[in-house]
Amino acid sequence: MRYSANLGFLFTELPLPQAIHAAKDAGFDAVECHFPYDVPAAEVAQALQDTGLTMLGLNTWPGDKSAGDFGLAALTGREAEARAAIEQAVDYAVATGTRAVHVMAGRTDGGDQAEATFRANLTYACDLAALHGITILIEPINTRDVEGYHLSRTDHAVSTIRAVGKNNIKLMYDCYHMQIMQGDHAMHLRDLLPLIGHIQIAAIPDRGEPDQGEVDYRWLMQALERMGYTAPIGAEYRPRHGTTQGLGWLAQFQA
């Protein structure tokens, strides 16, 4: 299996272009980001060109985190902000050759109106992204870490994807979040594989390096390989003692 460094959590002591180079030097096969918007896209594109790495994905702007925002797309009454964030993300993705945009739903009451708003904004995102060959991702996020997040289970994600009905909308399956909410990864991944656009890993419960905790990721990666999954796996974990110090898992998983 191949692995992608999530630079929202890894090598954060470095400016983003340097972090891309550090990911390459560490042996990662690709990179991904959270919110790279304060770095000129041209600088990121140059670093990607210099290293030969691909940026797999980035997130839409989450809104005002200090006010409790954690995404905008399912927030009724804030459609203009949500669509501006989608446009910003797609523009940045185009400029950097990024393959996917994760549209963040946000915290809601979980009602029908919030879901209708989410689906309408996702339709807008898919239509815009399709002009550039970009995939839209939606990610269930556990409600222990993000209370009230609109999308927290894969069955909800599947119903949303099917309702939107666009060819370029996929599920981002984060094993950390889904272990907390559902577990049973091998069965879920097997059943959901046609809808999956990206997979991420981190230890549970501490969200550290994926070489310890509740899930045997080496076994799970082998199971995914047997299923025929070949895309890079996103390493979206919080290093326990610094990124470089904790990279021993990568060589083990790649062996």
Protein backbone atom coordinates (compact mmCIF):
# COMPACT_ATOMS: atom_id res chain seq x y z
CA MET A 1 0.00 0.00 0.00
CA ARG A 2 1.00 3.61 -0.57
CA TYR A 3 0.60 6.40 1.99
CA SER A 4 -0.23 10.10 1.90
CA ALA A 5 0.98 12.58 4.52
CA ASN A 6 -1.81 14.76 5.84
CA LEU A 7 -0.02 18.07 6.29
CA GLY A 8 -2.77 19.43 8.47
CA PHE A 9 -1.26 17.28 11.24
CA LEU A 10 2.20 16.23 10.00
CA PHE A 11 5.27 18.44 9.61
CA THR A 12 3.28 21.40 10.90
CA GLU A 13 6.44 23.07 12.21
CA LEU A 14 7.39 23.77 8.57
CA PRO A 15 5.88 26.13 6.02
CA LEU A 16 3.62 24.13 3.69
CA PRO A 17 6.00 24.02 0.69
CA GLN A 18 8.79 22.76 2.94
CA ALA A 19 6.42 20.26 4.53
CA ILE A 20 5.74 18.82 1.07
CA HIS A 21 9.48 18.32 0.60
CA ALA A 22 9.75 16.75 4.08
CA ALA A 23 6.95 14.32 3.24
CA LYS A 24 8.79 13.27 0.10
CA ASP A 25 12.05 12.81 2.01
CA ALA A 26 10.24 10.72 4.64
CA GLY A 27 8.99 8.27 2.03
CA PHE A 28 5.37 9.30 1.59
CA ASP A 29 3.83 8.75 -1.84
CA ALA A 30 1.44 11.75 -1.82
CA VAL A 31 0.22 14.58 0.40
CA GLU A 32 -3.10 16.10 1.46
CA CYS A 33 -4.11 19.22 3.39
CA HIS A 34 -6.74 20.71 5.63
CA PHE A 35 -6.85 24.46 4.98
CA PRO A 36 -3.87 25.62 2.89
CA TYR A 37 -5.39 28.93 1.85
CA ASP A 38 -2.93 31.26 3.55
CA VAL A 39 -0.16 29.88 1.32
CA PRO A 40 -0.11 31.06 -2.31
CA ALA A 41 -1.22 28.23 -4.55
CA ALA A 42 1.74 28.84 -6.86
CA GLU A 43 4.18 28.00 -4.04
CA VAL A 44 2.37 24.75 -3.29
CA ALA A 45 2.20 23.87 -6.98
CA GLN A 46 5.94 24.46 -7.31
CA ALA A 47 6.73 22.24 -4.32
CA LEU A 48 4.53 19.49 -5.76
CA GLN A 49 6.28 19.79 -9.09
CA ASP A 50 9.72 19.73 -7.48
CA THR A 51 8.95 16.61 -5.45
CA GLY A 52 6.78 14.79 -7.95
CA LEU A 53 4.09 14.33 -5.31
CA THR A 54 0.36 14.73 -5.88
CA MET A 55 -1.96 16.62 -3.55
CA LEU A 56 -4.85 14.20 -3.03
CA GLY A 57 -7.28 16.49 -1.27
CA LEU A 58 -8.05 19.60 0.74
CA ASN A 59 -10.99 20.80 2.84
CA THR A 60 -13.43 23.63 2.35
CA TRP A 61 -12.95 26.49 4.79
CA PRO A 62 -14.73 25.50 8.05
CA GLY A 63 -16.08 28.93 8.94
CA ASP A 64 -15.47 30.65 12.26
CA LYS A 65 -14.11 27.94 14.52
CA SER A 66 -14.00 30.33 17.49
CA ALA A 67 -17.78 30.62 17.15
CA GLY A 68 -18.24 26.85 16.91
CA ASP A 69 -18.23 26.42 13.14
CA PHE A 70 -16.86 23.16 11.77
CA GLY A 71 -18.04 23.43 8.20
CA LEU A 72 -20.79 25.32 6.44
CA ALA A 73 -22.43 23.16 3.79
CA ALA A 74 -25.39 21.90 5.86
CA LEU A 75 -26.10 25.20 7.61
CA THR A 76 -29.43 26.60 6.42
CA GLY A 77 -29.25 30.35 5.92
CA ARG A 78 -25.50 30.34 5.24
CA GLU A 79 -25.61 29.03 1.70
CA ALA A 80 -23.73 32.00 0.28
CA GLU A 81 -20.81 31.41 2.68
CA ALA A 82 -20.84 27.68 1.97
CA ARG A 83 -20.72 28.20 -1.78
CA ALA A 84 -17.99 30.81 -1.50
CA ALA A 85 -15.96 28.25 0.47
CA ILE A 86 -16.62 25.63 -2.20
CA GLU A 87 -15.51 28.02 -4.94
CA GLN A 88 -12.36 28.89 -2.98
CA ALA A 89 -11.50 25.22 -2.51
CA VAL A 90 -12.10 24.29 -6.14
CA ASP A 91 -10.04 27.24 -7.35
CA TYR A 92 -7.15 26.25 -5.06
CA ALA A 93 -7.46 22.62 -6.16
CA VAL A 94 -7.31 23.61 -9.82
CA ALA A 95 -4.24 25.79 -9.23
CA THR A 96 -2.38 23.01 -7.38
CA GLY A 97 -3.55 19.98 -9.33
CA THR A 98 -5.37 18.66 -6.27
CA ARG A 99 -7.65 15.75 -7.08
CA ALA A 100 -10.44 16.10 -4.50
CA VAL A 101 -12.23 18.60 -2.27
CA HIS A 102 -13.77 17.56 1.04
CA VAL A 103 -16.92 19.64 1.56
CA MET A 104 -17.37 20.03 5.32
CA ALA A 105 -20.97 19.74 6.49
CA GLY A 106 -20.81 21.50 9.86
CA ARG A 107 -22.78 21.20 13.08
CA THR A 108 -26.58 21.07 12.72
CA ASP A 109 -29.68 19.82 14.49
CA GLY A 110 -29.68 16.83 12.16
CA GLY A 111 -33.05 17.75 10.71
CA ASP A 112 -34.49 17.45 7.21
CA GLN A 113 -33.85 21.10 6.37
CA ALA A 114 -30.17 20.78 7.19
CA GLU A 115 -29.93 17.69 5.00
CA ALA A 116 -31.73 19.46 2.15
CA THR A 117 -29.28 22.35 2.44
CA PHE A 118 -26.35 19.92 2.49
CA ARG A 119 -27.55 18.14 -0.63
CA ALA A 120 -28.18 21.38 -2.51
CA ASN A 121 -24.69 22.69 -1.69
CA LEU A 122 -23.14 19.36 -2.64
CA THR A 123 -24.92 19.47 -5.98
CA TYR A 124 -23.46 22.92 -6.53
CA ALA A 125 -20.00 21.64 -5.53
CA CYS A 126 -20.20 18.61 -7.81
CA ASP A 127 -21.26 20.64 -10.82
CA LEU A 128 -18.44 23.15 -10.28
CA ALA A 129 -15.82 20.49 -9.58
CA ALA A 130 -16.84 18.39 -12.58
CA LEU A 131 -15.71 21.20 -14.89
CA HIS A 132 -12.16 20.48 -13.71
CA GLY A 133 -12.22 16.71 -13.20
CA ILE A 134 -12.24 17.10 -9.41
CA THR A 135 -13.97 14.72 -7.00
CA ILE A 136 -16.13 15.96 -4.13
CA LEU A 137 -15.72 14.05 -0.86
CA ILE A 138 -17.98 13.91 2.19
CA GLU A 139 -16.65 12.54 5.47
CA PRO A 140 -18.57 11.18 8.45
CA ILE A 141 -16.96 12.64 11.59
CA ASN A 142 -17.47 11.21 15.06
CA THR A 143 -19.72 13.14 17.41
CA ARG A 144 -17.48 12.55 20.41
CA ASP A 145 -14.82 14.85 18.97
CA VAL A 146 -17.22 17.14 17.09
CA GLU A 147 -20.54 17.20 18.89
CA GLY A 148 -23.48 17.80 16.59
CA TYR A 149 -21.62 17.20 13.34
CA HIS A 150 -24.25 16.73 10.67
CA LEU A 151 -22.68 13.65 9.06
CA SER A 152 -21.43 10.99 11.47
CA ARG A 153 -22.25 7.57 9.96
CA THR A 154 -21.55 5.85 6.68
CA ASP A 155 -25.19 4.90 6.08
CA HIS A 156 -26.10 8.60 6.19
CA ALA A 157 -23.24 9.37 3.80
CA VAL A 158 -24.42 6.70 1.37
CA SER A 159 -27.98 8.06 1.35
CA THR A 160 -26.65 11.58 0.73
CA ILE A 161 -24.38 10.44 -2.10
CA ARG A 162 -27.24 8.57 -3.76
CA ALA A 163 -29.63 11.50 -3.35
CA VAL A 164 -27.16 13.95 -4.90
CA GLY A 165 -26.73 11.50 -7.75
CA LYS A 166 -23.56 12.91 -9.29
CA ASN A 167 -20.74 10.83 -10.69
CA ASN A 168 -18.03 12.82 -8.89
CA ILE A 169 -19.18 12.57 -5.28
CA LYS A 170 -17.49 9.96 -3.08
CA LEU A 171 -17.14 8.92 0.56
CA MET A 172 -14.05 9.73 2.59
CA TYR A 173 -13.76 6.87 5.08
CA ASP A 174 -11.70 7.89 8.10
CA CYS A 175 -11.01 4.79 10.17
CA TYR A 176 -10.43 6.84 13.32
CA HIS A 177 -13.88 8.43 13.16
CA MET A 178 -15.61 5.25 12.07
CA GLN A 179 -14.03 3.09 14.77
CA ILE A 180 -15.63 5.41 17.32
CA MET A 181 -19.01 5.46 15.56
CA GLN A 182 -19.33 2.01 13.97
CA GLY A 183 -16.26 -0.24 13.98
CA ASP A 184 -16.22 -3.45 11.88
CA HIS A 185 -13.95 -1.83 9.29
CA ALA A 186 -13.26 -4.80 7.04
CA MET A 187 -16.94 -5.46 6.42
CA HIS A 188 -17.80 -1.78 5.98
CA LEU A 189 -14.88 -1.14 3.64
CA ARG A 190 -15.74 -4.16 1.54
CA ASP A 191 -19.37 -3.09 1.19
CA LEU A 192 -18.60 0.58 0.62
CA LEU A 193 -15.57 0.23 -1.66
CA PRO A 194 -17.36 1.34 -4.88
CA LEU A 195 -18.35 4.61 -3.17
CA ILE A 196 -15.04 5.33 -1.43
CA GLY A 197 -12.87 8.14 -2.74
CA HIS A 198 -10.26 8.24 0.04
CA ILE A 199 -9.35 6.37 3.23
CA GLN A 200 -7.57 7.82 6.27
CA ILE A 201 -6.02 6.17 9.32
CA ALA A 202 -4.97 7.05 12.87
CA ALA A 203 -4.74 5.17 16.15
CA ILE A 204 -7.73 4.88 18.42
CA PRO A 205 -8.29 6.26 20.99
CA ASP A 206 -5.46 8.84 20.97
CA ARG A 207 -5.37 9.61 17.21
CA GLY A 208 -1.61 9.07 17.20
CA GLU A 209 0.56 7.03 14.86
CA PRO A 210 -1.32 4.02 13.44
CA ASP A 211 1.03 1.38 14.88
CA GLN A 212 -0.83 0.85 18.16
CA GLY A 213 -4.31 1.13 19.67
CA GLU A 214 -7.60 -0.64 19.04
CA VAL A 215 -7.17 -1.31 15.30
CA ASP A 216 -4.55 -3.56 13.72
CA TYR A 217 -3.90 -1.39 10.70
CA ARG A 218 -1.25 -3.64 9.19
CA TRP A 219 -3.87 -6.38 8.97
CA LEU A 220 -6.49 -3.93 7.68
CA MET A 221 -4.14 -2.61 4.98
CA GLN A 222 -3.51 -6.17 3.83
CA ALA A 223 -7.27 -6.75 3.72
CA LEU A 224 -7.73 -3.61 1.62
CA GLU A 225 -5.02 -4.77 -0.74
CA ARG A 226 -6.84 -8.08 -1.17
CA MET A 227 -10.00 -6.11 -1.96
CA GLY A 228 -8.14 -4.42 -4.80
CA TYR A 229 -7.82 -0.96 -3.25
CA THR A 230 -4.71 0.71 -4.68
CA ALA A 231 -5.00 4.45 -3.90
CA PRO A 232 -2.73 5.98 -1.24
CA ILE A 233 -3.99 5.79 2.34
CA GLY A 234 -4.13 9.11 4.17
CA ALA A 235 -2.02 9.31 7.33
CA GLU A 236 -4.15 11.80 9.25
CA TYR A 237 -2.87 11.39 12.78
CA ARG A 238 -1.52 13.64 15.51
CA PRO A 239 2.13 12.71 16.17
CA ARG A 240 2.73 11.73 19.77
CA HIS A 241 6.27 13.12 19.99
CA GLY A 242 6.87 14.96 16.71
CA THR A 243 6.37 13.86 13.11
CA THR A 244 9.90 12.70 12.38
CA GLN A 245 10.29 10.84 15.66
CA GLY A 246 7.13 8.84 15.02
CA LEU A 247 7.70 7.75 11.43
CA GLY A 248 8.93 4.25 12.22
CA TRP A 249 5.48 2.89 11.40
CA LEU A 250 5.78 3.99 7.75
CA ALA A 251 8.72 1.75 6.90
CA GLN A 252 7.05 -1.15 8.70
CA PHE A 253 3.81 -0.72 6.80
CA GLN A 254 5.62 -0.36 3.48
CA ALA A 255 7.74 -3.50 4.02
